[in-house]
């Protein structure tokens, strides 16, 4: 009977030790899986960052090109208006002087008040 109790105790201790070893093995497996997942997520995150960076760079280049085209268009229209004003002044100098005097008179009236 004493032998069977001792054997039973030894068996229980062996089972506990085996359970503990299995748990440690499972924990180690989980740690390695978590590390693998972390690396995968990091790689995916890095790829997303690169994708976003490329998108931002593309939009920036498009915005710069659009603003340069708008600037060129505005510049050419301003030059066209300037040429038109010069032509009108050369063709009708007295009218230009009268308009300038009228605008100056209105400005003087408005600035007094």
N, C-alpha and C. Protein backbone atom coordinates (compact mmCIF):
# COMPACT_ATOMS: atom_id res chain seq x y z
N UNK A 1 0.80 -1.17 0.00
CA UNK A 1 0.00 0.00 0.00
C UNK A 1 0.87 1.27 0.00
N UNK A 2 1.93 1.24 0.81
CA UNK A 2 2.82 2.39 0.86
C UNK A 2 3.51 2.58 -0.47
N UNK A 3 3.77 1.46 -1.09
CA UNK A 3 4.42 1.54 -2.38
C UNK A 3 3.48 2.13 -3.43
N UNK A 4 2.24 1.77 -3.36
CA UNK A 4 1.30 2.28 -4.34
C UNK A 4 1.05 3.77 -4.12
N UNK A 5 1.04 4.21 -2.86
CA UNK A 5 0.88 5.65 -2.61
C UNK A 5 2.11 6.40 -3.11
N UNK A 6 3.25 5.87 -2.88
CA UNK A 6 4.48 6.50 -3.35
C UNK A 6 4.50 6.51 -4.87
N UNK A 7 4.08 5.42 -5.44
CA UNK A 7 4.04 5.33 -6.91
C UNK A 7 3.00 6.31 -7.45
N UNK A 8 1.88 6.40 -6.77
CA UNK A 8 0.82 7.34 -7.19
C UNK A 8 1.32 8.78 -7.09
N UNK A 9 2.04 9.09 -6.00
CA UNK A 9 2.59 10.43 -5.81
C UNK A 9 3.61 10.73 -6.90
N UNK A 10 4.45 9.79 -7.19
CA UNK A 10 5.48 9.98 -8.23
C UNK A 10 4.81 10.19 -9.59
N UNK A 11 3.77 9.41 -9.83
CA UNK A 11 3.05 9.54 -11.09
C UNK A 11 2.40 10.93 -11.21
N UNK A 12 1.79 11.39 -10.14
CA UNK A 12 1.18 12.73 -10.13
C UNK A 12 2.22 13.81 -10.35
N UNK A 13 3.36 13.66 -9.70
CA UNK A 13 4.44 14.65 -9.88
C UNK A 13 4.95 14.61 -11.31
N UNK A 14 5.06 13.42 -11.87
CA UNK A 14 5.52 13.30 -13.26
C UNK A 14 4.51 13.95 -14.21
N UNK A 15 3.23 13.73 -13.92
CA UNK A 15 2.19 14.34 -14.77
C UNK A 15 2.20 15.86 -14.64
N UNK A 16 2.41 16.35 -13.41
CA UNK A 16 2.49 17.79 -13.23
C UNK A 16 3.69 18.37 -13.94
N UNK A 17 4.82 17.68 -13.85
CA UNK A 17 6.03 18.14 -14.52
C UNK A 17 5.81 18.14 -16.04
N UNK A 18 5.17 17.09 -16.53
CA UNK A 18 4.88 17.00 -17.96
C UNK A 18 3.91 18.11 -18.37
N UNK A 19 2.90 18.35 -17.54
CA UNK A 19 1.95 19.43 -17.84
C UNK A 19 2.67 20.79 -17.85
N UNK A 20 3.57 20.97 -16.91
CA UNK A 20 4.32 22.21 -16.84
C UNK A 20 5.21 22.37 -18.08
N UNK A 21 5.85 21.29 -18.49
CA UNK A 21 6.68 21.33 -19.69
C UNK A 21 5.84 21.62 -20.94
N UNK A 22 4.66 21.00 -20.99
CA UNK A 22 3.77 21.25 -22.13
C UNK A 22 3.33 22.72 -22.14
N UNK A 23 3.01 23.24 -20.98
CA UNK A 23 2.60 24.65 -20.89
C UNK A 23 3.74 25.57 -21.34
N UNK A 24 4.95 25.28 -20.87
CA UNK A 24 6.09 26.11 -21.27
C UNK A 24 6.31 26.03 -22.78
N UNK A 25 6.15 24.83 -23.33
CA UNK A 25 6.30 24.66 -24.77
C UNK A 25 5.22 25.45 -25.51
N UNK A 26 4.01 25.39 -25.04
CA UNK A 26 2.92 26.14 -25.65
C UNK A 26 3.17 27.65 -25.56
N UNK A 27 3.66 28.09 -24.40
CA UNK A 27 3.98 29.51 -24.23
C UNK A 27 5.07 29.93 -25.20
N UNK A 28 6.10 29.10 -25.33
CA UNK A 28 7.18 29.40 -26.28
C UNK A 28 6.65 29.44 -27.71
N UNK A 29 5.76 28.50 -28.05
CA UNK A 29 5.16 28.50 -29.39
C UNK A 29 4.36 29.78 -29.61
N UNK A 30 3.58 30.18 -28.60
CA UNK A 30 2.79 31.41 -28.72
C UNK A 30 3.70 32.63 -28.89
N UNK A 31 4.80 32.65 -28.14
CA UNK A 31 5.74 33.76 -28.26
C UNK A 31 6.30 33.85 -29.68
N UNK A 32 6.67 32.72 -30.23
CA UNK A 32 7.22 32.74 -31.59
C UNK A 32 6.16 33.13 -32.61
N UNK A 33 4.92 32.69 -32.42
CA UNK A 33 3.84 33.08 -33.33
C UNK A 33 3.56 34.59 -33.23
N UNK A 34 3.57 35.11 -32.01
CA UNK A 34 3.36 36.54 -31.82
C UNK A 34 4.48 37.34 -32.48
N UNK A 35 5.71 36.87 -32.34
CA UNK A 35 6.84 37.56 -32.98
C UNK A 35 6.69 37.53 -34.50
N UNK A 36 6.26 36.40 -35.02
CA UNK A 36 6.06 36.28 -36.47
C UNK A 36 4.95 37.22 -36.94
N UNK A 37 3.85 37.26 -36.21
CA UNK A 37 2.75 38.16 -36.55
C UNK A 37 3.19 39.62 -36.48
N UNK A 38 3.98 39.93 -35.48
CA UNK A 38 4.47 41.29 -35.32
C UNK A 38 5.32 41.70 -36.51
N UNK A 39 6.20 40.79 -36.97
CA UNK A 39 7.02 41.08 -38.14
C UNK A 39 6.15 41.27 -39.38
N UNK A 40 5.15 40.42 -39.53
CA UNK A 40 4.26 40.52 -40.68
C UNK A 40 3.51 41.84 -40.67
N UNK A 41 2.96 42.21 -39.52
CA UNK A 41 2.23 43.48 -39.41
C UNK A 41 3.16 44.67 -39.66
N UNK A 42 4.37 44.56 -39.18
CA UNK A 42 5.34 45.64 -39.40
C UNK A 42 5.63 45.80 -40.89
N UNK A 43 5.80 44.67 -41.57
CA UNK A 43 6.06 44.72 -43.01
C UNK A 43 4.87 45.31 -43.75
N UNK A 44 3.65 44.90 -43.36
CA UNK A 44 2.45 45.45 -44.00
C UNK A 44 2.33 46.94 -43.74
N UNK A 45 2.62 47.34 -42.51
CA UNK A 45 2.56 48.76 -42.17
C UNK A 45 3.57 49.55 -42.96
N UNK A 46 4.77 49.02 -43.13
CA UNK A 46 5.79 49.69 -43.93
C UNK A 46 5.36 49.83 -45.37
N UNK A 47 4.72 48.80 -45.90
CA UNK A 47 4.23 48.86 -47.28
C UNK A 47 3.15 49.91 -47.41
N UNK A 48 2.24 49.98 -46.43
CA UNK A 48 1.18 51.00 -46.47
C UNK A 48 1.79 52.40 -46.42
N UNK A 49 2.79 52.58 -45.59
CA UNK A 49 3.44 53.89 -45.49
C UNK A 49 4.05 54.26 -46.84
N UNK A 50 4.71 53.29 -47.49
CA UNK A 50 5.29 53.56 -48.80
C UNK A 50 4.21 53.90 -49.82
N UNK A 51 3.09 53.17 -49.77
CA UNK A 51 1.97 53.46 -50.68
C UNK A 51 1.43 54.86 -50.45
N UNK A 52 1.22 55.24 -49.20
CA UNK A 52 0.72 56.58 -48.88
C UNK A 52 1.71 57.65 -49.32
N UNK A 53 2.99 57.37 -49.12
CA UNK A 53 4.03 58.33 -49.50
C UNK A 53 4.00 58.54 -51.02
N UNK A 54 3.89 57.45 -51.77
CA UNK A 54 3.83 57.57 -53.23
C UNK A 54 2.60 58.36 -53.66
N UNK A 55 1.47 58.10 -53.01
CA UNK A 55 0.24 58.81 -53.34
C UNK A 55 0.38 60.30 -53.06
N UNK A 56 0.93 60.63 -51.92
CA UNK A 56 1.12 62.04 -51.56
C UNK A 56 2.07 62.73 -52.53
N UNK A 57 3.15 62.04 -52.90
CA UNK A 57 4.09 62.62 -53.85
C UNK A 57 3.43 62.85 -55.21
N UNK A 58 2.59 61.90 -55.64
CA UNK A 58 1.91 62.04 -56.92
C UNK A 58 0.94 63.22 -56.88
N UNK A 59 0.16 63.32 -55.79
CA UNK A 59 -0.78 64.44 -55.66
C UNK A 59 -0.04 65.78 -55.58
N UNK A 60 1.08 65.79 -54.91
CA UNK A 60 1.87 67.01 -54.80
C UNK A 60 2.37 67.45 -56.17
N UNK A 61 2.89 66.49 -56.93
CA UNK A 61 3.37 66.82 -58.28
C UNK A 61 2.23 67.33 -59.16
N UNK A 62 1.07 66.69 -59.06
CA UNK A 62 -0.08 67.14 -59.84
C UNK A 62 -0.51 68.55 -59.43
N UNK A 63 -0.50 68.82 -58.12
CA UNK A 63 -0.89 70.15 -57.64
C UNK A 63 0.11 71.21 -58.11
N UNK A 64 1.39 70.89 -58.08
CA UNK A 64 2.40 71.84 -58.55
C UNK A 64 2.21 72.12 -60.04
N UNK A 65 1.98 71.05 -60.81
CA UNK A 65 1.77 71.24 -62.25
C UNK A 65 0.52 72.08 -62.53
N UNK A 66 -0.56 71.79 -61.81
CA UNK A 66 -1.80 72.55 -62.01
C UNK A 66 -1.61 74.01 -61.63
N UNK A 67 -0.89 74.28 -60.54
CA UNK A 67 -0.68 75.67 -60.13
C UNK A 67 0.23 76.40 -61.12
N UNK A 68 1.20 75.70 -61.68
CA UNK A 68 2.06 76.32 -62.68
C UNK A 68 1.28 76.65 -63.95
N UNK A 69 0.38 75.75 -64.36
CA UNK A 69 -0.45 76.02 -65.52
C UNK A 69 -1.37 77.21 -65.25
N UNK A 70 -1.96 77.26 -64.06
CA UNK A 70 -2.85 78.37 -63.70
C UNK A 70 -2.06 79.68 -63.67
N UNK A 71 -0.86 79.64 -63.14
CA UNK A 71 -0.01 80.84 -63.10
C UNK A 71 0.31 81.32 -64.51
N UNK A 72 0.68 80.38 -65.37
CA UNK A 72 1.00 80.75 -66.76
C UNK A 72 -0.22 81.34 -67.46
N UNK A 73 -1.39 80.74 -67.23
CA UNK A 73 -2.62 81.25 -67.84
C UNK A 73 -2.92 82.66 -67.33
N UNK A 74 -2.83 82.87 -66.03
CA UNK A 74 -3.10 84.20 -65.45
C UNK A 74 -2.10 85.22 -65.96
N UNK A 75 -0.86 84.81 -66.08
CA UNK A 75 0.19 85.72 -66.57
C UNK A 75 -0.08 86.13 -68.01
N UNK A 76 -0.43 85.15 -68.84
CA UNK A 76 -0.69 85.48 -70.24
C UNK A 76 -1.94 86.37 -70.38
N UNK A 77 -2.96 86.12 -69.55
CA UNK A 77 -4.15 86.98 -69.58
C UNK A 77 -3.83 88.39 -69.10
N UNK A 78 -2.99 88.50 -68.09
CA UNK A 78 -2.60 89.83 -67.60
C UNK A 78 -1.82 90.59 -68.67
N UNK A 79 -0.93 89.89 -69.37
CA UNK A 79 -0.18 90.53 -70.44
C UNK A 79 -1.12 90.96 -71.57
N UNK A 80 -2.11 90.12 -71.86
CA UNK A 80 -3.08 90.46 -72.90
C UNK A 80 -3.88 91.70 -72.51
N UNK A 81 -4.32 91.77 -71.24
CA UNK A 81 -5.05 92.95 -70.77
C UNK A 81 -4.18 94.20 -70.83
N UNK A 82 -2.94 94.04 -70.44
CA UNK A 82 -2.02 95.18 -70.47
C UNK A 82 -1.85 95.69 -71.90
N UNK A 83 -1.69 94.78 -72.84
CA UNK A 83 -1.55 95.17 -74.24
C UNK A 83 -2.83 95.86 -74.74
N UNK A 84 -3.99 95.34 -74.30
CA UNK A 84 -5.26 95.96 -74.68
C UNK A 84 -5.40 97.36 -74.12
N UNK A 85 -5.00 97.55 -72.85
CA UNK A 85 -5.06 98.88 -72.25
C UNK A 85 -4.12 99.84 -72.97
N UNK A 86 -2.91 99.37 -73.26
CA UNK A 86 -1.96 100.23 -73.97
C UNK A 86 -2.50 100.64 -75.34
N UNK A 87 -3.10 99.69 -76.04
CA UNK A 87 -3.66 99.98 -77.35
C UNK A 87 -4.79 101.03 -77.24
N UNK A 88 -5.67 100.85 -76.24
CA UNK A 88 -6.77 101.79 -76.04
C UNK A 88 -6.25 103.18 -75.68
N UNK A 89 -5.22 103.24 -74.86
CA UNK A 89 -4.65 104.53 -74.45
C UNK A 89 -4.00 105.22 -75.65
N UNK A 90 -3.30 104.44 -76.50
CA UNK A 90 -2.65 105.03 -77.67
C UNK A 90 -3.70 105.51 -78.70
N UNK A 91 -4.79 104.76 -78.83
CA UNK A 91 -5.82 105.14 -79.80
C UNK A 91 -6.67 106.31 -79.30
N UNK A 92 -6.95 106.35 -78.00
CA UNK A 92 -7.85 107.37 -77.43
C UNK A 92 -7.20 107.99 -76.18
N UNK A 93 -6.18 108.81 -76.37
CA UNK A 93 -5.47 109.37 -75.21
C UNK A 93 -6.33 110.32 -74.37
N UNK A 94 -7.19 111.12 -74.98
CA UNK A 94 -8.00 112.05 -74.20
C UNK A 94 -9.03 111.31 -73.35
N UNK A 95 -9.59 110.25 -73.89
CA UNK A 95 -10.53 109.44 -73.11
C UNK A 95 -9.82 108.82 -71.90
N UNK A 96 -8.58 108.36 -72.11
CA UNK A 96 -7.81 107.75 -71.02
C UNK A 96 -7.54 108.77 -69.93
N UNK A 97 -7.19 110.00 -70.34
CA UNK A 97 -6.92 111.05 -69.34
C UNK A 97 -8.21 111.38 -68.60
N UNK A 98 -9.34 111.45 -69.27
CA UNK A 98 -10.62 111.74 -68.63
C UNK A 98 -11.02 110.65 -67.64
N UNK A 99 -10.82 109.40 -68.03
CA UNK A 99 -11.15 108.28 -67.11
C UNK A 99 -10.26 108.33 -65.89
N UNK A 100 -8.96 108.56 -66.09
CA UNK A 100 -8.02 108.63 -64.97
C UNK A 100 -8.39 109.77 -64.03
N UNK A 101 -8.78 110.92 -64.58
CA UNK A 101 -9.17 112.06 -63.74
C UNK A 101 -10.45 111.74 -62.97
N UNK A 102 -11.40 111.09 -63.62
CA UNK A 102 -12.64 110.73 -62.94
C UNK A 102 -12.41 109.74 -61.81
N UNK A 103 -11.59 108.74 -62.06
CA UNK A 103 -11.28 107.76 -61.00
C UNK A 103 -10.56 108.46 -59.86
N UNK A 104 -9.63 109.37 -60.17
CA UNK A 104 -8.92 110.10 -59.13
C UNK A 104 -9.87 110.96 -58.31
N UNK A 105 -10.82 111.61 -58.97
CA UNK A 105 -11.79 112.45 -58.27
C UNK A 105 -12.66 111.60 -57.33
N UNK A 106 -13.15 110.44 -57.83
CA UNK A 106 -13.95 109.54 -56.97
C UNK A 106 -13.14 109.02 -55.78
N UNK A 107 -11.91 108.70 -56.01
CA UNK A 107 -11.06 108.22 -54.92
C UNK A 107 -10.87 109.30 -53.87
N UNK A 108 -10.67 110.54 -54.32
CA UNK A 108 -10.49 111.65 -53.39
C UNK A 108 -11.77 111.87 -52.57
N UNK A 109 -12.94 111.77 -53.22
CA UNK A 109 -14.21 111.93 -52.48
C UNK A 109 -14.38 110.83 -51.43
N UNK A 110 -14.07 109.63 -51.80
CA UNK A 110 -14.25 108.50 -50.87
C UNK A 110 -13.24 108.55 -49.72
N UNK A 111 -12.05 109.04 -49.99
CA UNK A 111 -11.05 109.07 -48.92
C UNK A 111 -11.29 110.19 -47.94
N UNK A 112 -12.05 111.25 -48.32
CA UNK A 112 -12.37 112.34 -47.41
C UNK A 112 -13.36 111.91 -46.34
N UNK A 113 -14.24 111.01 -46.67
CA UNK A 113 -15.29 110.62 -45.74
C UNK A 113 -14.77 109.64 -44.80
